């Protein structure tokens, strides 16, 4: 933790020495301390704004020790939190350097219980008395300290806007940006009017923790809001779709990607937009989390079939998935593709053959049914070589269209049935 210095802060204008009425022996610190004890943050602000350099120096010098005393006397950090806004105001108005003010405002115990302090307007009154360069320095130092829903975000963002410095794109600042309060305004209006939107929105798809944060968005419907902004032209729709796909391809857990799935579906991409990213959607089928792979497959099914080789690889990848829902959807896709593009039948045969050894009978039955239905375009060798993994009744059904497949009646007495294979992973 940075040491709070007692150097006199530079301010605009001059102030008279502190002269309390009625008792010349009372110092500026005495009155500030009393107001802190009463949790009177507004009173602290008003008083600090009247102090001259000596008064500010005196208060700044006493604050670190007083914070320790408050913690000791009022049960560690819990007591400090009750006085947090008053202590923050005192530090913001008297501590000299931007580095030390940033350290003070982000101290553990001075952010309120569950980071609930709400003192941006008060702190802005205090820091606006500092030079422009000092305010910009404070904004930059606070930005790198932000961690998600952080009470210092609003102050940081306000200073960035007022000083005109370039918005930081650190993960913490982006998390603060998506987690901020909107003060009763609609999120659409807040984002549309936000000068930081164009800089920070692309980072939505890159900053660590954004997906989880937006899963907890409560009443703020980010997916529908971003769709509205894209429809109005305020943000670039293609950037949002590209961002979702890049985020999917980076990988992650279901929780981390859930928001981006919702955003992608809220955007409701057209067939032409899907076609531009055909290979990206194909790449998601083998190992993306279930909801992402389902999304990819559902959109691929809207398009004309990919090239046979690409289709074959994708179909086989789906047959290896643990999720039976995805395997079933993959079998439906195989049927759809081969009906519309018979030239893809051979690629489909290899995928169907993989299911002949599946542990679930209903999937084996479906694979055999499709093999029988589309057998004219499939390699008999591919189906024949895999047929031994089928139970006798399904093997007999396949034998009606594939010569050389040993039916149940052809099997020599006493030979054990070929064991079923499992595609279960892990």
Protein backbone atom coordinates (compact mmCIF):
# COMPACT_ATOMS: atom_id res chain seq x y z
CA UNK A 1 0.00 0.00 0.00
CA UNK A 2 1.37 3.40 -0.93
CA UNK A 3 2.31 5.66 1.95
CA UNK A 4 0.09 8.72 2.18
CA UNK A 5 2.26 11.80 2.01
CA UNK A 6 1.62 15.05 3.79
CA UNK A 7 2.81 17.26 0.94
CA UNK A 8 0.54 20.21 0.30
CA UNK A 9 -1.66 19.57 -2.77
CA UNK A 10 -1.63 22.17 -5.48
CA UNK A 11 -5.04 23.80 -5.89
CA UNK A 12 -6.52 26.55 -7.93
CA UNK A 13 -7.10 29.80 -6.08
CA UNK A 14 -6.07 30.68 -2.53
CA UNK A 15 -7.80 30.08 0.79
CA UNK A 16 -7.63 31.73 4.17
CA UNK A 17 -6.20 29.93 7.22
CA UNK A 18 -8.74 27.84 9.10
CA UNK A 19 -10.34 29.92 11.87
CA UNK A 20 -13.11 28.04 13.70
CA UNK A 21 -15.62 30.21 15.49
CA UNK A 22 -15.66 30.33 19.26
CA UNK A 23 -12.52 28.35 20.04
CA UNK A 24 -9.18 29.37 18.52
CA UNK A 25 -7.54 26.27 19.98
CA UNK A 26 -9.58 23.93 17.75
CA UNK A 27 -7.67 22.84 14.65
CA UNK A 28 -8.89 21.91 11.21
CA UNK A 29 -8.16 18.30 12.01
CA UNK A 30 -10.24 18.45 15.19
CA UNK A 31 -13.32 19.49 13.23
CA UNK A 32 -12.70 17.06 10.36
CA UNK A 33 -12.23 14.22 12.85
CA UNK A 34 -15.52 15.09 14.57
CA UNK A 35 -17.37 15.06 11.26
CA UNK A 36 -15.81 11.71 10.33
CA UNK A 37 -16.98 10.37 13.69
CA UNK A 38 -20.52 11.44 12.79
CA UNK A 39 -20.20 9.81 9.33
CA UNK A 40 -20.95 13.24 7.88
CA UNK A 41 -19.30 13.02 4.46
CA UNK A 42 -21.06 16.14 3.17
CA UNK A 43 -19.86 18.08 6.18
CA UNK A 44 -16.30 16.87 5.64
CA UNK A 45 -16.48 17.94 2.00
CA UNK A 46 -17.76 21.41 2.80
CA UNK A 47 -15.11 21.93 5.48
CA UNK A 48 -12.19 20.60 3.44
CA UNK A 49 -13.08 22.94 0.58
CA UNK A 50 -12.49 25.90 2.92
CA UNK A 51 -9.07 24.80 4.14
CA UNK A 52 -5.82 26.52 3.27
CA UNK A 53 -2.59 24.68 2.54
CA UNK A 54 -1.66 24.30 6.22
CA UNK A 55 -5.09 22.94 7.10
CA UNK A 56 -5.02 20.40 4.29
CA UNK A 57 -1.51 19.37 5.25
CA UNK A 58 -2.60 18.84 8.84
CA UNK A 59 -5.62 16.71 7.89
CA UNK A 60 -3.67 14.61 5.37
CA UNK A 61 -1.01 13.89 7.98
CA UNK A 62 -3.55 12.61 10.51
CA UNK A 63 -5.74 10.46 8.23
CA UNK A 64 -3.71 7.20 8.07
CA UNK A 65 -3.40 7.00 11.84
CA UNK A 66 -7.06 7.85 12.32
CA UNK A 67 -8.10 5.08 9.94
CA UNK A 68 -6.15 2.60 12.07
CA UNK A 69 -7.82 3.98 15.19
CA UNK A 70 -11.28 3.64 13.65
CA UNK A 71 -10.52 0.05 12.71
CA UNK A 72 -9.23 -0.75 16.18
CA UNK A 73 -12.09 0.93 18.00
CA UNK A 74 -14.95 -0.18 15.78
CA UNK A 75 -14.18 -3.81 15.01
CA UNK A 76 -11.61 -3.81 12.24
CA UNK A 77 -12.77 -3.00 8.69
CA UNK A 78 -16.48 -3.12 9.51
CA UNK A 79 -16.17 0.03 11.55
CA UNK A 80 -14.13 1.76 8.89
CA UNK A 81 -16.77 0.99 6.30
CA UNK A 82 -19.40 2.84 8.32
CA UNK A 83 -17.21 5.92 8.06
CA UNK A 84 -15.95 5.17 4.54
CA UNK A 85 -17.50 8.06 2.62
CA UNK A 86 -16.38 10.65 5.18
CA UNK A 87 -12.85 9.25 5.20
CA UNK A 88 -12.75 9.13 1.40
CA UNK A 89 -13.85 12.75 1.16
CA UNK A 90 -11.23 13.85 3.66
CA UNK A 91 -8.46 12.08 1.74
CA UNK A 92 -9.59 13.20 -1.70
CA UNK A 93 -9.62 16.81 -0.58
CA UNK A 94 -6.37 16.96 1.38
CA UNK A 95 -3.86 14.31 0.28
CA UNK A 96 -1.28 15.82 -2.02
CA UNK A 97 -0.40 13.49 -4.86
CA UNK A 98 -2.69 11.72 -7.29
CA UNK A 99 -0.86 8.46 -6.58
CA UNK A 100 -1.58 8.72 -2.86
CA UNK A 101 -5.21 9.72 -3.39
CA UNK A 102 -5.68 6.69 -5.66
CA UNK A 103 -4.15 4.50 -2.97
CA UNK A 104 -6.41 6.03 -0.32
CA UNK A 105 -9.64 5.68 -2.28
CA UNK A 106 -8.97 2.03 -3.11
CA UNK A 107 -7.89 0.94 0.36
CA UNK A 108 -9.58 -2.13 1.73
CA UNK A 109 -12.25 -0.91 4.09
CA UNK A 110 -12.81 2.40 2.31
CA UNK A 111 -14.97 1.04 -0.47
CA UNK A 112 -17.99 0.35 1.74
CA UNK A 113 -19.62 -2.96 2.55
CA UNK A 114 -19.82 -4.98 -0.67
CA UNK A 115 -18.36 -2.01 -2.55
CA UNK A 116 -21.51 0.04 -2.00
CA UNK A 117 -20.17 3.55 -1.45
CA UNK A 118 -21.77 6.04 -3.82
CA UNK A 119 -19.84 9.27 -3.53
CA UNK A 120 -18.80 10.16 -7.06
CA UNK A 121 -20.42 13.60 -7.14
CA UNK A 122 -18.92 14.50 -3.77
CA UNK A 123 -15.43 13.40 -4.78
CA UNK A 124 -15.69 15.24 -8.08
CA UNK A 125 -16.35 18.48 -6.17
CA UNK A 126 -13.11 17.92 -4.33
CA UNK A 127 -10.81 16.78 -7.13
CA UNK A 128 -12.02 19.44 -9.55
CA UNK A 129 -10.09 21.94 -7.45
CA UNK A 130 -6.87 20.24 -8.60
CA UNK A 131 -4.96 21.05 -11.80
CA UNK A 132 -6.02 19.35 -15.02
CA UNK A 133 -2.86 17.22 -15.19
CA UNK A 134 -3.37 16.07 -11.59
CA UNK A 135 -6.94 14.98 -12.38
CA UNK A 136 -5.77 13.08 -15.46
CA UNK A 137 -3.07 11.37 -13.41
CA UNK A 138 -5.63 10.32 -10.80
CA UNK A 139 -7.94 8.91 -13.48
CA UNK A 140 -5.15 6.80 -14.96
CA UNK A 141 -4.02 5.51 -11.57
CA UNK A 142 -7.55 4.60 -10.50
CA UNK A 143 -8.22 2.86 -13.81
CA UNK A 144 -5.46 0.29 -13.32
CA UNK A 145 -6.75 -0.48 -9.81
CA UNK A 146 -10.36 -1.19 -10.77
CA UNK A 147 -11.68 -4.66 -10.07
CA UNK A 148 -15.14 -5.39 -11.50
CA UNK A 149 -18.03 -3.64 -9.75
CA UNK A 150 -15.86 -0.98 -8.14
CA UNK A 151 -17.10 2.24 -6.51
CA UNK A 152 -14.17 4.12 -8.02
CA UNK A 153 -15.31 3.40 -11.57
CA UNK A 154 -17.75 6.32 -11.86
CA UNK A 155 -15.17 8.78 -10.56
CA UNK A 156 -12.56 7.38 -12.93
CA UNK A 157 -14.86 7.51 -15.95
CA UNK A 158 -16.01 11.04 -15.13
CA UNK A 159 -12.42 12.25 -14.89
CA UNK A 160 -11.51 10.55 -18.17
CA UNK A 161 -14.40 12.29 -19.91
CA UNK A 162 -13.67 15.67 -18.34
CA UNK A 163 -9.93 15.62 -18.93
CA UNK A 164 -10.22 14.19 -22.43
CA UNK A 165 -7.52 11.56 -21.92
CA UNK A 166 -7.64 8.31 -23.85
CA UNK A 167 -9.87 5.74 -22.20
CA UNK A 168 -7.92 2.82 -20.73
CA UNK A 169 -8.83 -0.64 -21.99
CA UNK A 170 -7.58 -2.66 -19.02
CA UNK A 171 -9.76 -5.60 -18.01
CA UNK A 172 -10.66 -3.91 -14.72
CA UNK A 173 -11.87 -0.73 -16.41
CA UNK A 174 -13.93 -2.70 -18.93
CA UNK A 175 -15.49 -4.70 -16.08
CA UNK A 176 -16.30 -1.48 -14.27
CA UNK A 177 -17.83 -0.10 -17.44
CA UNK A 178 -20.21 -3.04 -17.92
CA UNK A 179 -21.05 -3.23 -14.20
CA UNK A 180 -21.82 0.44 -13.58
CA UNK A 181 -25.11 1.78 -12.36
CA UNK A 182 -27.29 3.73 -14.79
CA UNK A 183 -28.95 6.09 -12.29
CA UNK A 184 -32.49 5.40 -13.46
CA UNK A 185 -31.78 5.94 -17.17
CA UNK A 186 -32.33 3.20 -19.72
CA UNK A 187 -29.20 1.30 -20.65
CA UNK A 188 -29.86 2.04 -24.33
CA UNK A 189 -29.71 5.79 -23.67
CA UNK A 190 -26.70 5.52 -21.37
CA UNK A 191 -24.66 3.55 -23.91
CA UNK A 192 -25.80 5.58 -26.91
CA UNK A 193 -24.61 8.79 -25.23
CA UNK A 194 -21.40 7.31 -23.83
CA UNK A 195 -18.26 8.69 -25.53
CA UNK A 196 -16.37 5.62 -24.28
CA UNK A 197 -18.64 3.17 -26.13
CA UNK A 198 -16.68 2.96 -29.37
CA UNK A 199 -13.41 2.33 -27.54
CA UNK A 200 -14.64 -0.13 -24.93
CA UNK A 201 -17.29 -2.17 -26.75
CA UNK A 202 -14.78 -4.25 -28.78
CA UNK A 203 -13.03 -5.12 -25.50
CA UNK A 204 -16.27 -6.72 -24.32
CA UNK A 205 -15.17 -9.84 -26.20
CA UNK A 206 -11.61 -9.86 -24.85
CA UNK A 207 -11.55 -8.68 -21.23
CA UNK A 208 -11.37 -11.46 -18.67
CA UNK A 209 -14.52 -11.84 -16.59
CA UNK A 210 -16.91 -9.83 -18.74
CA UNK A 211 -19.09 -12.83 -19.58
CA UNK A 212 -19.58 -13.73 -15.92
CA UNK A 213 -20.24 -10.10 -15.00
CA UNK A 214 -22.93 -9.74 -17.64
CA UNK A 215 -24.55 -12.99 -16.55
CA UNK A 216 -25.30 -11.08 -13.33
CA UNK A 217 -26.65 -8.04 -15.14
CA UNK A 218 -30.03 -8.18 -13.35
CA UNK A 219 -32.50 -5.85 -15.00
CA UNK A 220 -30.05 -4.65 -17.65
CA UNK A 221 -30.76 -6.57 -20.87
CA UNK A 222 -27.39 -6.12 -22.58
CA UNK A 223 -28.07 -8.50 -25.51
CA UNK A 224 -31.28 -6.76 -26.54
CA UNK A 225 -29.76 -3.34 -25.88
CA UNK A 226 -26.78 -4.05 -28.13
CA UNK A 227 -29.15 -5.36 -30.79
CA UNK A 228 -31.10 -2.10 -30.56
CA UNK A 229 -27.91 -0.04 -30.88
CA UNK A 230 -26.82 -2.11 -33.87
CA UNK A 231 -30.20 -1.69 -35.54
CA UNK A 232 -30.03 2.08 -35.05
CA UNK A 233 -26.51 2.19 -36.48
CA UNK A 234 -24.94 3.42 -33.24
CA UNK A 235 -22.69 0.36 -33.15
CA UNK A 236 -21.38 -1.89 -35.90
CA UNK A 237 -23.43 -5.07 -36.13
CA UNK A 238 -20.66 -7.00 -37.89
CA UNK A 239 -18.27 -6.11 -35.05
CA UNK A 240 -20.69 -7.67 -32.56
CA UNK A 241 -21.12 -10.87 -34.57
CA UNK A 242 -17.39 -11.15 -35.24
CA UNK A 243 -16.72 -10.55 -31.57
CA UNK A 244 -19.06 -13.34 -30.49
CA UNK A 245 -17.39 -15.81 -32.84
CA UNK A 246 -13.90 -14.80 -31.73
CA UNK A 247 -14.97 -15.29 -28.13
CA UNK A 248 -16.43 -18.72 -28.88
CA UNK A 249 -13.25 -19.79 -30.66
CA UNK A 250 -11.12 -18.71 -27.70
CA UNK A 251 -12.97 -21.29 -25.65
CA UNK A 252 -14.20 -21.17 -22.09
CA UNK A 253 -16.78 -22.63 -19.76
CA UNK A 254 -20.52 -22.60 -20.26
CA UNK A 255 -20.77 -19.83 -17.65
CA UNK A 256 -18.11 -17.71 -19.33
CA UNK A 257 -19.74 -18.00 -22.75
CA UNK A 258 -23.44 -17.88 -21.82
CA UNK A 259 -23.76 -14.12 -22.28
CA UNK A 260 -22.14 -14.26 -25.71
CA UNK A 261 -24.51 -17.03 -26.78
CA UNK A 262 -27.42 -14.82 -25.73
CA UNK A 263 -25.96 -11.85 -27.60
CA UNK A 264 -25.37 -13.88 -30.75
CA UNK A 265 -28.95 -15.12 -30.73
CA UNK A 266 -30.34 -11.66 -29.97
CA UNK A 267 -28.57 -10.40 -33.10
CA UNK A 268 -30.29 -13.19 -35.06
CA UNK A 269 -27.71 -13.38 -37.86
CA UNK A 270 -28.94 -13.71 -41.42
CA UNK A 271 -28.03 -16.59 -43.70
CA UNK A 272 -25.62 -14.32 -45.56
CA UNK A 273 -23.91 -13.36 -42.29
CA UNK A 274 -23.64 -17.01 -41.30
CA UNK A 275 -22.21 -17.91 -44.69
CA UNK A 276 -19.38 -15.41 -44.24
CA UNK A 277 -18.30 -17.36 -41.16
CA UNK A 278 -19.06 -20.92 -42.26
CA UNK A 279 -15.62 -22.23 -41.32
CA UNK A 280 -15.74 -20.56 -37.92
CA UNK A 281 -19.02 -22.31 -37.13
CA UNK A 282 -17.60 -25.61 -38.37
CA UNK A 283 -14.59 -25.17 -36.07
CA UNK A 284 -16.90 -24.89 -33.07
CA UNK A 285 -18.50 -28.30 -33.53
CA UNK A 286 -15.78 -30.61 -32.15
CA UNK A 287 -15.06 -29.14 -28.73
CA UNK A 288 -16.99 -25.97 -27.94
CA UNK A 289 -19.26 -26.17 -24.87
CA UNK A 290 -22.61 -27.75 -25.65
CA UNK A 291 -24.68 -24.56 -25.98
CA UNK A 292 -22.10 -23.03 -28.33
CA UNK A 293 -21.87 -26.16 -30.50
CA UNK A 294 -25.68 -26.34 -30.64
CA UNK A 295 -25.78 -22.72 -31.77
CA UNK A 296 -23.18 -23.35 -34.46
CA UNK A 297 -24.95 -26.42 -35.81
CA UNK A 298 -28.36 -24.76 -35.84
CA UNK A 299 -27.02 -21.97 -38.04
CA UNK A 300 -25.03 -24.27 -40.32
CA UNK A 301 -28.25 -26.16 -41.02
CA UNK A 302 -29.67 -22.97 -42.53
CA UNK A 303 -27.02 -22.97 -45.26
CA UNK A 304 -26.28 -25.06 -48.31
CA UNK A 305 -24.00 -27.96 -47.34
CA UNK A 306 -20.29 -27.22 -47.00
CA UNK A 307 -17.77 -29.01 -49.20
CA UNK A 308 -17.91 -32.83 -48.76
CA UNK A 309 -14.56 -32.99 -46.97
CA UNK A 310 -15.50 -30.21 -44.54
CA UNK A 311 -18.92 -31.74 -44.00
CA UNK A 312 -17.44 -35.16 -43.32
CA UNK A 313 -15.01 -33.84 -40.72
CA UNK A 314 -17.76 -31.85 -39.01
CA UNK A 315 -20.19 -34.77 -39.00
CA UNK A 316 -17.60 -37.12 -37.49
CA UNK A 317 -16.77 -34.52 -34.85
CA UNK A 318 -20.43 -34.39 -33.84
CA UNK A 319 -20.60 -38.18 -33.58
CA UNK A 320 -17.80 -38.03 -30.99
CA UNK A 321 -19.64 -35.53 -28.76
CA UNK A 322 -20.67 -36.70 -25.30
CA UNK A 323 -23.94 -34.77 -25.47
CA UNK A 324 -26.54 -37.14 -26.93
CA UNK A 325 -28.63 -34.13 -27.95
CA UNK A 326 -25.80 -32.99 -30.20
CA UNK A 327 -25.29 -36.46 -31.65
CA UNK A 328 -28.99 -36.65 -32.52
CA UNK A 329 -28.88 -33.18 -34.05
CA UNK A 330 -25.81 -34.27 -36.02
CA UNK A 331 -27.67 -37.29 -37.38
CA UNK A 332 -30.54 -35.03 -38.46
CA UNK A 333 -28.04 -32.78 -40.21
CA UNK A 334 -26.52 -35.76 -42.02
CA UNK A 335 -29.97 -36.73 -43.27
CA UNK A 336 -30.72 -33.16 -44.36
CA UNK A 337 -27.41 -32.73 -46.19
CA UNK A 338 -27.49 -36.04 -48.05
CA UNK A 339 -31.09 -35.50 -49.15
CA UNK A 340 -30.13 -32.17 -50.71
CA UNK A 341 -26.61 -33.11 -51.80
CA UNK A 342 -26.35 -36.84 -52.60
CA UNK A 343 -22.68 -36.38 -53.43
CA UNK A 344 -22.03 -35.99 -49.70
CA UNK A 345 -23.26 -39.52 -48.96
CA UNK A 346 -19.81 -41.10 -48.77
CA UNK A 347 -18.64 -38.52 -46.22
CA UNK A 348 -21.83 -39.20 -44.28
CA UNK A 349 -21.19 -42.95 -44.33
CA UNK A 350 -18.01 -42.57 -42.31
CA UNK A 351 -19.85 -40.59 -39.64
CA UNK A 352 -22.75 -43.06 -39.50
CA UNK A 353 -20.34 -45.98 -39.24
CA UNK A 354 -18.93 -44.43 -36.07
CA UNK A 355 -22.36 -44.65 -34.43
CA UNK A 356 -22.71 -48.36 -35.21
CA UNK A 357 -20.57 -48.99 -32.13
CA UNK A 358 -22.33 -46.45 -29.91
CA UNK A 359 -23.50 -47.51 -26.46
CA UNK A 360 -27.05 -46.18 -26.97
CA UNK A 361 -29.37 -48.41 -28.96
CA UNK A 362 -31.62 -45.60 -30.18
CA UNK A 363 -28.64 -43.86 -31.79
CA UNK A 364 -27.52 -47.11 -33.42
CA UNK A 365 -31.03 -47.61 -34.78
CA UNK A 366 -31.13 -44.11 -36.20
CA UNK A 367 -27.71 -44.47 -37.82
CA UNK A 368 -28.73 -47.75 -39.47
CA UNK A 369 -32.00 -46.24 -40.66
CA UNK A 370 -30.08 -43.40 -42.34
CA UNK A 371 -27.53 -45.80 -43.81
CA UNK A 372 -30.34 -47.87 -45.34
CA UNK A 373 -32.10 -44.74 -46.60
CA UNK A 374 -29.04 -43.29 -48.31
CA UNK A 375 -27.09 -46.48 -49.06
CA UNK A 376 -27.08 -45.92 -52.83
CA UNK A 377 -24.45 -43.21 -52.52
CA UNK A 378 -22.44 -44.75 -49.70
CA UNK A 379 -19.43 -47.02 -49.76
CA UNK A 380 -20.51 -50.55 -48.99
CA UNK A 381 -17.04 -51.25 -47.62
CA UNK A 382 -17.32 -48.43 -45.07
CA UNK A 383 -20.67 -49.69 -43.78
CA UNK A 384 -19.69 -53.37 -43.96
CA UNK A 385 -16.49 -52.87 -41.97
CA UNK A 386 -18.37 -51.21 -39.12
CA UNK A 387 -21.43 -53.48 -39.15
CA UNK A 388 -19.91 -55.99 -36.74
CA UNK A 389 -20.48 -53.58 -33.85
CA UNK A 390 -24.26 -53.62 -34.40
CA UNK A 391 -26.66 -55.88 -32.51
CA UNK A 392 -28.04 -58.75 -34.63
CA UNK A 393 -31.39 -57.17 -35.56
CA UNK A 394 -29.79 -53.94 -36.77
CA UNK A 395 -27.09 -55.87 -38.59
CA UNK A 396 -29.79 -57.81 -40.38
CA UNK A 397 -31.53 -54.59 -41.39
CA UNK A 398 -28.28 -53.21 -42.80
CA UNK A 399 -27.66 -56.49 -44.65
CA UNK A 400 -30.75 -55.81 -46.79
CA UNK A 401 -28.89 -53.02 -48.62
CA UNK A 402 -25.20 -53.85 -48.07
CA UNK A 403 -23.97 -57.15 -49.44
CA UNK A 404 -21.57 -59.15 -47.37
CA UNK A 405 -22.90 -57.96 -44.00
CA UNK A 406 -23.27 -61.00 -41.81
CA UNK A 407 -26.84 -61.27 -40.54
CA UNK A 408 -27.88 -62.97 -37.33
CA UNK A 409 -28.81 -66.14 -39.22
CA UNK A 410 -25.37 -66.29 -40.86
CA UNK A 411 -23.45 -66.16 -37.59
CA UNK A 412 -21.96 -69.48 -36.52
CA UNK A 413 -23.54 -71.02 -33.41
CA UNK A 414 -21.75 -70.35 -30.17
CA UNK A 415 -19.84 -67.26 -31.33
CA UNK A 416 -20.29 -64.31 -29.00
CA UNK A 417 -21.87 -61.13 -30.31
CA UNK A 418 -19.53 -58.30 -31.16
CA UNK A 419 -19.37 -55.99 -28.13
CA UNK A 420 -20.73 -52.48 -28.46
CA UNK A 421 -18.28 -49.65 -28.42
CA UNK A 422 -18.68 -46.55 -26.31
CA UNK A 423 -17.90 -43.04 -27.44
CA UNK A 424 -18.04 -41.73 -23.91
CA UNK A 425 -15.15 -39.38 -23.27
CA UNK A 426 -13.39 -39.23 -19.91
